Amino acid sequence: MSLEPFHHIVLFRVREGITLERVRRAREALAALVETLPGVRDFTVTENIAKEHDGYKLALISSFEDKRAYDIFARHPESMAVLEEFMSEVAEDHLVVQGSGS
């Protein structure tokens, strides 16, 4: 039985005064981790260029083989450490969208 891909999208409201260099370092740390964990289909961190962004200027868009692969990634100690550091230093708020399907 083939499982549907699982999508995980996070919009971040970046703290005032945070440099693009700091955001780039956090993105590189996550990208390096993604390369070591199985089940990740796609992983992108991009600036939100929509006119109606309500302050959510950064987006993490990821796709996993299935929900189980996402759970492994989300619970991995290194993933948790990078995200915790990013969330505490860079983001003042975030919104999460998740779902399955192609």
PDB file of N, CA and C in Angstrom:
ATOM      1  N   MET A   1       0.840  -1.188   0.000  1.00  0.00           N
ATOM      2  CA  MET A   1       0.000   0.000   0.000  1.00  0.00           C
ATOM      3  C   MET A   1       0.884   1.251   0.000  1.00  0.00           C
ATOM      4  N   SER A   2       0.647   2.131  -0.920  1.00  0.00           N
ATOM      5  CA  SER A   2       1.418   3.356  -1.037  1.00  0.00           C
ATOM      6  C   SER A   2       0.796   4.444  -0.159  1.00  0.00           C
ATOM      7  N   LEU A   3       1.619   5.063   0.652  1.00  0.00           N
ATOM      8  CA  LEU A   3       1.141   6.146   1.501  1.00  0.00           C
ATOM      9  C   LEU A   3       1.260   7.471   0.757  1.00  0.00           C
ATOM     10  N   GLU A   4       0.369   8.393   1.075  1.00  0.00           N
ATOM     11  CA  GLU A   4       0.414   9.709   0.447  1.00  0.00           C
ATOM     12  C   GLU A   4       1.536  10.537   1.051  1.00  0.00           C
ATOM     13  N   PRO A   5       2.123  11.428   0.254  1.00  0.00           N
ATOM     14  CA  PRO A   5       3.131  12.320   0.811  1.00  0.00           C
ATOM     15  C   PRO A   5       2.519  13.218   1.885  1.00  0.00           C
ATOM     16  N   PHE A   6       3.343  13.614   2.839  1.00  0.00           N
ATOM     17  CA  PHE A   6       2.907  14.478   3.930  1.00  0.00           C
ATOM     18  C   PHE A   6       3.599  15.824   3.761  1.00  0.00           C
ATOM     19  N   HIS A   7       2.822  16.897   3.817  1.00  0.00           N
ATOM     20  CA  HIS A   7       3.344  18.243   3.618  1.00  0.00           C
ATOM     21  C   HIS A   7       3.325  19.008   4.942  1.00  0.00           C
ATOM     22  N   HIS A   8       4.403  19.748   5.171  1.00  0.00           N
ATOM     23  CA  HIS A   8       4.560  20.528   6.402  1.00  0.00           C
ATOM     24  C   HIS A   8       5.036  21.921   5.985  1.00  0.00           C
ATOM     25  N   ILE A   9       4.207  22.925   6.275  1.00  0.00           N
ATOM     26  CA  ILE A   9       4.517  24.306   5.905  1.00  0.00           C
ATOM     27  C   ILE A   9       4.466  25.152   7.170  1.00  0.00           C
ATOM     28  N   VAL A  10       5.498  25.972   7.351  1.00  0.00           N
ATOM     29  CA  VAL A  10       5.532  26.867   8.507  1.00  0.00           C
ATOM     30  C   VAL A  10       5.814  28.278   8.006  1.00  0.00           C
ATOM     31  N   LEU A  11       4.977  29.214   8.423  1.00  0.00           N
ATOM     32  CA  LEU A  11       5.207  30.630   8.145  1.00  0.00           C
ATOM     33  C   LEU A  11       5.744  31.270   9.416  1.00  0.00           C
ATOM     34  N   PHE A  12       6.841  32.018   9.282  1.00  0.00           N
ATOM     35  CA  PHE A  12       7.488  32.639  10.435  1.00  0.00           C
ATOM     36  C   PHE A  12       7.354  34.152  10.382  1.00  0.00           C
ATOM     37  N   ARG A  13       7.015  34.723  11.517  1.00  0.00           N
ATOM     38  CA  ARG A  13       7.085  36.175  11.682  1.00  0.00           C
ATOM     39  C   ARG A  13       8.454  36.438  12.313  1.00  0.00           C
ATOM     40  N   VAL A  14       9.336  37.042  11.539  1.00  0.00           N
ATOM     41  CA  VAL A  14      10.719  37.247  11.962  1.00  0.00           C
ATOM     42  C   VAL A  14      10.808  38.452  12.890  1.00  0.00           C
ATOM     43  N   ARG A  15      11.590  38.288  13.959  1.00  0.00           N
ATOM     44  CA  ARG A  15      11.795  39.392  14.909  1.00  0.00           C
ATOM     45  C   ARG A  15      12.453  40.579  14.196  1.00  0.00           C
ATOM     46  N   GLU A  16      12.090  41.763  14.614  1.00  0.00           N
ATOM     47  CA  GLU A  16      12.675  42.967  14.054  1.00  0.00           C
ATOM     48  C   GLU A  16      14.175  42.987  14.351  1.00  0.00           C
ATOM     49  N   GLY A  17      14.955  43.397  13.370  1.00  0.00           N
ATOM     50  CA  GLY A  17      16.396  43.515  13.552  1.00  0.00           C
ATOM     51  C   GLY A  17      17.192  42.261  13.226  1.00  0.00           C
ATOM     52  N   ILE A  18      16.515  41.167  12.900  1.00  0.00           N
ATOM     53  CA  ILE A  18      17.217  39.932  12.551  1.00  0.00           C
ATOM     54  C   ILE A  18      17.776  40.071  11.134  1.00  0.00           C
ATOM     55  N   THR A  19      19.048  39.749  10.982  1.00  0.00           N
ATOM     56  CA  THR A  19      19.686  39.881   9.675  1.00  0.00           C
ATOM     57  C   THR A  19      19.386  38.678   8.784  1.00  0.00           C
ATOM     58  N   LEU A  20      19.481  38.894   7.483  1.00  0.00           N
ATOM     59  CA  LEU A  20      19.317  37.802   6.533  1.00  0.00           C
ATOM     60  C   LEU A  20      20.408  36.753   6.736  1.00  0.00           C
ATOM     61  N   GLU A  21      21.582  37.180   7.177  1.00  0.00           N
ATOM     62  CA  GLU A  21      22.676  36.238   7.445  1.00  0.00           C
ATOM     63  C   GLU A  21      22.286  35.257   8.548  1.00  0.00           C
ATOM     64  N   ARG A  22      21.637  35.730   9.579  1.00  0.00           N
ATOM     65  CA  ARG A  22      21.207  34.841  10.677  1.00  0.00           C
ATOM     66  C   ARG A  22      20.161  33.855  10.178  1.00  0.00           C
ATOM     67  N   VAL A  23      19.246  34.320   9.372  1.00  0.00           N
ATOM     68  CA  VAL A  23      18.231  33.438   8.794  1.00  0.00           C
ATOM     69  C   VAL A  23      18.903  32.406   7.886  1.00  0.00           C
ATOM     70  N   ARG A  24      19.889  32.824   7.105  1.00  0.00           N
ATOM     71  CA  ARG A  24      20.606  31.916   6.212  1.00  0.00           C
ATOM     72  C   ARG A  24      21.310  30.808   7.000  1.00  0.00           C
ATOM     73  N   ARG A  25      21.935  31.160   8.119  1.00  0.00           N
ATOM     74  CA  ARG A  25      22.626  30.151   8.944  1.00  0.00           C
ATOM     75  C   ARG A  25      21.648  29.118   9.490  1.00  0.00           C
ATOM     76  N   ALA A  26      20.490  29.550   9.926  1.00  0.00           N
ATOM     77  CA  ALA A  26      19.480  28.614  10.431  1.00  0.00           C
ATOM     78  C   ALA A  26      18.997  27.705   9.307  1.00  0.00           C
ATOM     79  N   ARG A  27      18.786  28.271   8.138  1.00  0.00           N
ATOM     80  CA  ARG A  27      18.340  27.491   6.990  1.00  0.00           C
ATOM     81  C   ARG A  27      19.397  26.452   6.610  1.00  0.00           C
ATOM     82  N   GLU A  28      20.676  26.833   6.615  1.00  0.00           N
ATOM     83  CA  GLU A  28      21.750  25.899   6.271  1.00  0.00           C
ATOM     84  C   GLU A  28      21.852  24.763   7.286  1.00  0.00           C
ATOM     85  N   ALA A  29      21.647  25.076   8.552  1.00  0.00           N
ATOM     86  CA  ALA A  29      21.687  24.032   9.585  1.00  0.00           C
ATOM     87  C   ALA A  29      20.575  23.016   9.364  1.00  0.00           C
ATOM     88  N   LEU A  30      19.388  23.490   9.038  1.00  0.00           N
ATOM     89  CA  LEU A  30      18.278  22.577   8.757  1.00  0.00           C
ATOM     90  C   LEU A  30      18.515  21.785   7.473  1.00  0.00           C
ATOM     91  N   ALA A  31      19.022  22.444   6.446  1.00  0.00           N
ATOM     92  CA  ALA A  31      19.269  21.757   5.176  1.00  0.00           C
ATOM     93  C   ALA A  31      20.301  20.648   5.348  1.00  0.00           C
ATOM     94  N   ALA A  32      21.339  20.882   6.143  1.00  0.00           N
ATOM     95  CA  ALA A  32      22.350  19.853   6.390  1.00  0.00           C
ATOM     96  C   ALA A  32      21.731  18.661   7.100  1.00  0.00           C
ATOM     97  N   LEU A  33      20.841  18.921   8.020  1.00  0.00           N
ATOM     98  CA  LEU A  33      20.172  17.844   8.746  1.00  0.00           C
ATOM     99  C   LEU A  33      19.252  17.059   7.820  1.00  0.00           C
ATOM    100  N   VAL A  34      18.557  17.754   6.948  1.00  0.00           N
ATOM    101  CA  VAL A  34      17.635  17.109   6.011  1.00  0.00           C
ATOM    102  C   VAL A  34      18.372  16.076   5.162  1.00  0.00           C
ATOM    103  N   GLU A  35      19.600  16.380   4.775  1.00  0.00           N
ATOM    104  CA  GLU A  35      20.379  15.468   3.935  1.00  0.00           C
ATOM    105  C   GLU A  35      20.713  14.163   4.646  1.00  0.00           C
ATOM    106  N   THR A  36      20.678  14.145   5.968  1.00  0.00           N
ATOM    107  CA  THR A  36      21.065  12.944   6.714  1.00  0.00           C
ATOM    108  C   THR A  36      19.877  12.081   7.127  1.00  0.00           C
ATOM    109  N   LEU A  37      18.674  12.601   7.035  1.00  0.00           N
ATOM    110  CA  LEU A  37      17.501  11.854   7.488  1.00  0.00           C
ATOM    111  C   LEU A  37      16.702  11.320   6.304  1.00  0.00           C
ATOM    112  N   PRO A  38      16.255  10.066   6.392  1.00  0.00           N
ATOM    113  CA  PRO A  38      15.480   9.492   5.290  1.00  0.00           C
ATOM    114  C   PRO A  38      14.052  10.033   5.262  1.00  0.00           C
ATOM    115  N   GLY A  39      13.431   9.940   4.104  1.00  0.00           N
ATOM    116  CA  GLY A  39      12.014  10.252   3.991  1.00  0.00           C
ATOM    117  C   GLY A  39      11.680  11.674   3.615  1.00  0.00           C
ATOM    118  N   VAL A  40      12.692  12.551   3.515  1.00  0.00           N
ATOM    119  CA  VAL A  40      12.431  13.938   3.139  1.00  0.00           C
ATOM    120  C   VAL A  40      12.426  14.023   1.615  1.00  0.00           C
ATOM    121  N   ARG A  41      11.313  14.459   1.046  1.00  0.00           N
ATOM    122  CA  ARG A  41      11.216  14.594  -0.415  1.00  0.00           C
ATOM    123  C   ARG A  41      11.681  15.965  -0.887  1.00  0.00           C
ATOM    124  N   ASP A  42      11.283  16.999  -0.161  1.00  0.00           N
ATOM    125  CA  ASP A  42      11.606  18.361  -0.570  1.00  0.00           C
ATOM    126  C   ASP A  42      11.671  19.237   0.667  1.00  0.00           C
ATOM    127  N   PHE A  43      12.568  20.207   0.645  1.00  0.00           N
ATOM    128  CA  PHE A  43      12.734  21.100   1.782  1.00  0.00           C
ATOM    129  C   PHE A  43      13.210  22.450   1.259  1.00  0.00           C
ATOM    130  N   THR A  44      12.409  23.483   1.486  1.00  0.00           N
ATOM    131  CA  THR A  44      12.736  24.819   1.000  1.00  0.00           C
ATOM    132  C   THR A  44      12.442  25.843   2.084  1.00  0.00           C
ATOM    133  N   VAL A  45      13.355  26.790   2.246  1.00  0.00           N
ATOM    134  CA  VAL A  45      13.095  27.959   3.079  1.00  0.00           C
ATOM    135  C   VAL A  45      13.165  29.151   2.141  1.00  0.00           C
ATOM    136  N   THR A  46      12.101  29.943   2.116  1.00  0.00           N
ATOM    137  CA  THR A  46      12.026  31.045   1.167  1.00  0.00           C
ATOM    138  C   THR A  46      11.406  32.283   1.810  1.00  0.00           C
ATOM    139  N   GLU A  47      11.716  33.418   1.241  1.00  0.00           N
ATOM    140  CA  GLU A  47      11.077  34.658   1.663  1.00  0.00           C
ATOM    141  C   GLU A  47       9.649  34.657   1.133  1.00  0.00           C
ATOM    142  N   ASN A  48       8.718  35.097   1.955  1.00  0.00           N
ATOM    143  CA  ASN A  48       7.324  35.229   1.536  1.00  0.00           C
ATOM    144  C   ASN A  48       7.166  36.590   0.862  1.00  0.00           C
ATOM    145  N   ILE A  49       6.971  36.588  -0.452  1.00  0.00           N
ATOM    146  CA  ILE A  49       6.876  37.848  -1.190  1.00  0.00           C
ATOM    147  C   ILE A  49       5.433  38.283  -1.443  1.00  0.00           C
ATOM    148  N   ALA A  50       4.481  37.560  -0.869  1.00  0.00           N
ATOM    149  CA  ALA A  50       3.074  37.954  -1.017  1.00  0.00           C
ATOM    150  C   ALA A  50       2.855  39.331  -0.395  1.00  0.00           C
ATOM    151  N   LYS A  51       2.021  40.134  -1.022  1.00  0.00           N
ATOM    152  CA  LYS A  51       1.735  41.468  -0.488  1.00  0.00           C
ATOM    153  C   LYS A  51       0.991  41.390   0.838  1.00  0.00           C
ATOM    154  N   GLU A  52       0.145  40.402   1.013  1.00  0.00           N
ATOM    155  CA  GLU A  52      -0.645  40.243   2.237  1.00  0.00           C
ATOM    156  C   GLU A  52       0.004  39.193   3.140  1.00  0.00           C
ATOM    157  N   HIS A  53       1.175  39.497   3.682  1.00  0.00           N
ATOM    158  CA  HIS A  53       1.880  38.505   4.499  1.00  0.00           C
ATOM    159  C   HIS A  53       1.676  38.693   5.995  1.00  0.00           C
ATOM    160  N   ASP A  54       1.078  39.790   6.416  1.00  0.00           N
ATOM    161  CA  ASP A  54       0.782  40.054   7.828  1.00  0.00           C
ATOM    162  C   ASP A  54       2.007  39.850   8.721  1.00  0.00           C
ATOM    163  N   GLY A  55       3.183  40.141   8.191  1.00  0.00           N
ATOM    164  CA  GLY A  55       4.408  40.025   8.974  1.00  0.00           C
ATOM    165  C   GLY A  55       5.076  38.663   8.897  1.00  0.00           C
ATOM    166  N   TYR A  56       4.426  37.688   8.290  1.00  0.00           N
ATOM    167  CA  TYR A  56       5.018  36.347   8.146  1.00  0.00           C
ATOM    168  C   TYR A  56       5.871  36.353   6.875  1.00  0.00           C
ATOM    169  N   LYS A  57       7.124  36.741   7.041  1.00  0.00           N
ATOM    170  CA  LYS A  57       7.993  37.014   5.897  1.00  0.00           C
ATOM    171  C   LYS A  57       8.858  35.837   5.472  1.00  0.00           C
ATOM    172  N   LEU A  58       8.824  34.757   6.213  1.00  0.00           N
ATOM    173  CA  LEU A  58       9.676  33.614   5.903  1.00  0.00           C
ATOM    174  C   LEU A  58       8.835  32.349   5.926  1.00  0.00           C
ATOM    175  N   ALA A  59       9.059  31.467   4.950  1.00  0.00           N
ATOM    176  CA  ALA A  59       8.282  30.227   4.868  1.00  0.00           C
ATOM    177  C   ALA A  59       9.207  29.021   4.763  1.00  0.00           C
ATOM    178  N   LEU A  60       8.889  27.982   5.514  1.00  0.00           N
ATOM    179  CA  LEU A  60       9.534  26.677   5.391  1.00  0.00           C
ATOM    180  C   LEU A  60       8.504  25.771   4.731  1.00  0.00           C
ATOM    181  N   ILE A  61       8.851  25.215   3.586  1.00  0.00           N
ATOM    182  CA  ILE A  61       7.936  24.353   2.837  1.00  0.00           C
ATOM    183  C   ILE A  61       8.619  23.008   2.673  1.00  0.00           C
ATOM    184  N   SER A  62       8.018  21.960   3.223  1.00  0.00           N
ATOM    185  CA  SER A  62       8.654  20.648   3.162  1.00  0.00           C
ATOM    186  C   SER A  62       7.641  19.570   2.826  1.00  0.00           C
ATOM    187  N   SER A  63       8.166  18.514   2.239  1.00  0.00           N
ATOM    188  CA  SER A  63       7.352  17.378   1.855  1.00  0.00           C
ATOM    189  C   SER A  63       8.098  16.106   2.250  1.00  0.00           C
ATOM    190  N   PHE A  64       7.366  15.156   2.820  1.00  0.00           N
ATOM    191  CA  PHE A  64       7.946  13.907   3.310  1.00  0.00           C
ATOM    192  C   PHE A  64       7.255  12.733   2.640  1.00  0.00           C
ATOM    193  N   GLU A  65       7.913  11.574   2.638  1.00  0.00           N
ATOM    194  CA  GLU A  65       7.318  10.384   2.029  1.00  0.00           C
ATOM    195  C   GLU A  65       5.955  10.067   2.631  1.00  0.00           C
ATOM    196  N   ASP A  66       5.827  10.277   3.930  1.00  0.00           N
ATOM    197  CA  ASP A  66       4.565  10.030   4.627  1.00  0.00           C
ATOM    198  C   ASP A  66       4.635  10.690   6.003  1.00  0.00           C
ATOM    199  N   LYS A  67       3.573  10.589   6.765  1.00  0.00           N
ATOM    200  CA  LYS A  67       3.508  11.210   8.096  1.00  0.00           C
ATOM    201  C   LYS A  67       4.570  10.633   9.022  1.00  0.00           C
ATOM    202  N   ARG A  68       4.830   9.344   8.910  1.00  0.00           N
ATOM    203  CA  ARG A  68       5.840   8.701   9.755  1.00  0.00           C
ATOM    204  C   ARG A  68       7.223   9.328   9.517  1.00  0.00           C
ATOM    205  N   ALA A  69       7.578   9.571   8.260  1.00  0.00           N
ATOM    206  CA  ALA A  69       8.865  10.199   7.943  1.00  0.00           C
ATOM    207  C   ALA A  69       8.941  11.600   8.552  1.00  0.00           C
ATOM    208  N   TYR A  70       7.841  12.344   8.498  1.00  0.00           N
ATOM    209  CA  TYR A  70       7.812  13.662   9.136  1.00  0.00           C
ATOM    210  C   TYR A  70       8.020  13.535  10.640  1.00  0.00           C
ATOM    211  N   ASP A  71       7.335  12.586  11.272  1.00  0.00           N
ATOM    212  CA  ASP A  71       7.463  12.400  12.721  1.00  0.00           C
ATOM    213  C   ASP A  71       8.900  12.095  13.116  1.00  0.00           C
ATOM    214  N   ILE A  72       9.585  11.276  12.328  1.00  0.00           N
ATOM    215  CA  ILE A  72      10.993  10.965  12.604  1.00  0.00           C
ATOM    216  C   ILE A  72      11.826  12.236  12.524  1.00  0.00           C
ATOM    217  N   PHE A  73      11.610  13.036  11.486  1.00  0.00           N
ATOM    218  CA  PHE A  73      12.341  14.291  11.332  1.00  0.00           C
ATOM    219  C   PHE A  73      12.044  15.246  12.485  1.00  0.00           C
ATOM    220  N   ALA A  74      10.775  15.406  12.808  1.00  0.00           N
ATOM    221  CA  ALA A  74      10.365  16.378  13.829  1.00  0.00           C
ATOM    222  C   ALA A  74      10.874  16.010  15.218  1.00  0.00           C
ATOM    223  N   ARG A  75      11.024  14.722  15.488  1.00  0.00           N
ATOM    224  CA  ARG A  75      11.461  14.274  16.818  1.00  0.00           C
ATOM    225  C   ARG A  75      12.966  14.058  16.923  1.00  0.00           C
ATOM    226  N   HIS A  76      13.665  14.199  15.823  1.00  0.00           N
ATOM    227  CA  HIS A  76      15.108  13.993  15.835  1.00  0.00           C
ATOM    228  C   HIS A  76      15.750  15.062  16.723  1.00  0.00           C
ATOM    229  N   PRO A  77      16.655  14.671  17.638  1.00  0.00           N
ATOM    230  CA  PRO A  77      17.243  15.643  18.575  1.00  0.00           C
ATOM    231  C   PRO A  77      17.911  16.835  17.886  1.00  0.00           C
ATOM    232  N   GLU A  78      18.613  16.605  16.792  1.00  0.00           N
ATOM    233  CA  GLU A  78      19.271  17.716  16.098  1.00  0.00           C
ATOM    234  C   GLU A  78      18.249  18.639  15.444  1.00  0.00           C
ATOM    235  N   SER A  79      17.216  18.075  14.881  1.00  0.00           N
ATOM    236  CA  SER A  79      16.153  18.886  14.288  1.00  0.00           C
ATOM    237  C   SER A  79      15.496  19.747  15.354  1.00  0.00           C
ATOM    238  N   MET A  80      15.196  19.140  16.479  1.00  0.00           N
ATOM    239  CA  MET A  80      14.567  19.877  17.577  1.00  0.00           C
ATOM    240  C   MET A  80      15.472  21.004  18.064  1.00  0.00           C
ATOM    241  N   ALA A  81      16.778  20.749  18.162  1.00  0.00           N
ATOM    242  CA  ALA A  81      17.718  21.762  18.646  1.00  0.00           C
ATOM    243  C   ALA A  81      17.799  22.946  17.684  1.00  0.00           C
ATOM    244  N   VAL A  82      17.903  22.661  16.388  1.00  0.00           N
ATOM    245  CA  VAL A  82      17.988  23.739  15.397  1.00  0.00           C
ATOM    246  C   VAL A  82      16.703  24.560  15.394  1.00  0.00           C
ATOM    247  N   LEU A  83      15.567  23.882  15.396  1.00  0.00           N
ATOM    248  CA  LEU A  83      14.296  24.606  15.374  1.00  0.00           C
ATOM    249  C   LEU A  83      14.071  25.409  16.651  1.00  0.00           C
ATOM    250  N   GLU A  84      14.460  24.849  17.791  1.00  0.00           N
ATOM    251  CA  GLU A  84      14.304  25.587  19.050  1.00  0.00           C
ATOM    252  C   GLU A  84      15.159  26.845  19.043  1.00  0.00           C
ATOM    253  N   GLU A  85      16.400  26.713  18.588  1.00  0.00           N
ATOM    254  CA  GLU A  85      17.284  27.875  18.516  1.00  0.00           C
ATOM    255  C   GLU A  85      16.713  28.911  17.552  1.00  0.00           C
ATOM    256  N   PHE A  86      16.260  28.450  16.383  1.00  0.00           N
ATOM    257  CA  PHE A  86      15.705  29.362  15.387  1.00  0.00           C
ATOM    258  C   PHE A  86      14.480  30.073  15.939  1.00  0.00           C
ATOM    259  N   MET A  87      13.585  29.296  16.531  1.00  0.00           N
ATOM    260  CA  MET A  87      12.346  29.875  17.045  1.00  0.00           C
ATOM    261  C   MET A  87      12.619  30.890  18.144  1.00  0.00           C
ATOM    262  N   SER A  88      13.573  30.595  19.028  1.00  0.00           N
ATOM    263  CA  SER A  88      13.813  31.501  20.148  1.00  0.00           C
ATOM    264  C   SER A  88      14.556  32.761  19.721  1.00  0.00           C
ATOM    265  N   GLU A  89      15.456  32.647  18.740  1.00  0.00           N
ATOM    266  CA  GLU A  89      16.272  33.788  18.348  1.00  0.00           C
ATOM    267  C   GLU A  89      15.700  34.591  17.184  1.00  0.00           C
ATOM    268  N   VAL A  90      15.103  33.920  16.220  1.00  0.00           N
ATOM    269  CA  VAL A  90      14.759  34.567  14.961  1.00  0.00           C
ATOM    270  C   VAL A  90      13.270  34.870  14.829  1.00  0.00           C
ATOM    271  N   ALA A  91      12.433  33.915  15.199  1.00  0.00           N
ATOM    272  CA  ALA A  91      10.993  34.064  14.965  1.00  0.00           C
ATOM    273  C   ALA A  91      10.266  34.513  16.225  1.00  0.00           C
ATOM    274  N   GLU A  92       9.368  35.465  16.060  1.00  0.00           N
ATOM    275  CA  GLU A  92       8.552  35.882  17.198  1.00  0.00           C
ATOM    276  C   GLU A  92       7.206  35.167  17.209  1.00  0.00           C
ATOM    277  N   ASP A  93       6.832  34.578  16.073  1.00  0.00           N
ATOM    278  CA  ASP A  93       5.575  33.839  15.976  1.00  0.00           C
ATOM    279  C   ASP A  93       5.646  32.948  14.742  1.00  0.00           C
ATOM    280  N   HIS A  94       4.760  31.956  14.685  1.00  0.00           N
ATOM    281  CA  HIS A  94       4.717  31.092  13.504  1.00  0.00           C
ATOM    282  C   HIS A  94       3.329  30.490  13.337  1.00  0.00           C
ATOM    283  N   LEU A  95       3.034  30.096  12.103  1.00  0.00           N
ATOM    284  CA  LEU A  95       1.801  29.387  11.760  1.00  0.00           C
ATOM    285  C   LEU A  95       2.198  28.094  11.065  1.00  0.00           C
ATOM    286  N   VAL A  96       1.476  27.006  11.355  1.00  0.00           N
ATOM    287  CA  VAL A  96       1.786  25.704  10.766  1.00  0.00           C
ATOM    288  C   VAL A  96       0.597  25.213   9.947  1.00  0.00           C
ATOM    289  N   VAL A  97       0.900  24.676   8.767  1.00  0.00           N
ATOM    290  CA  VAL A  97      -0.090  24.019   7.919  1.00  0.00           C
ATOM    291  C   VAL A  97       0.454  22.636   7.604  1.00  0.00           C
ATOM    292  N   GLN A  98      -0.365  21.594   7.812  1.00  0.00           N
ATOM    293  CA  GLN A  98       0.057  20.226   7.521  1.00  0.00           C
ATOM    294  C   GLN A  98      -1.069  19.478   6.828  1.00  0.00           C
ATOM    295  N   GLY A  99      -0.678  18.523   5.995  1.00  0.00           N
ATOM    296  CA  GLY A  99      -1.688  17.698   5.359  1.00  0.00           C
ATOM    297  C   GLY A  99      -1.071  16.671   4.433  1.00  0.00           C
ATOM    298  N   SER A 100      -1.884  15.708   4.039  1.00  0.00           N
ATOM    299  CA  SER A 100      -1.446  14.652   3.126  1.00  0.00           C
ATOM    300  C   SER A 100      -2.098  14.851   1.770  1.00  0.00           C
ATOM    301  N   GLY A 101      -1.454  14.308   0.761  1.00  0.00           N
ATOM    302  CA  GLY A 101      -2.015  14.365  -0.580  1.00  0.00           C
ATOM    303  C   GLY A 101      -0.983  14.769  -1.593  1.00  0.00           C
ATOM    304  N   SER A 102      -1.332  14.548  -2.844  1.00  0.00           N
ATOM    305  CA  SER A 102      -0.394  14.920  -3.904  1.00  0.00           C
ATOM    306  C   SER A 102      -0.968  16.006  -4.772  1.00  0.00           C
TER     307      SER A 102
END
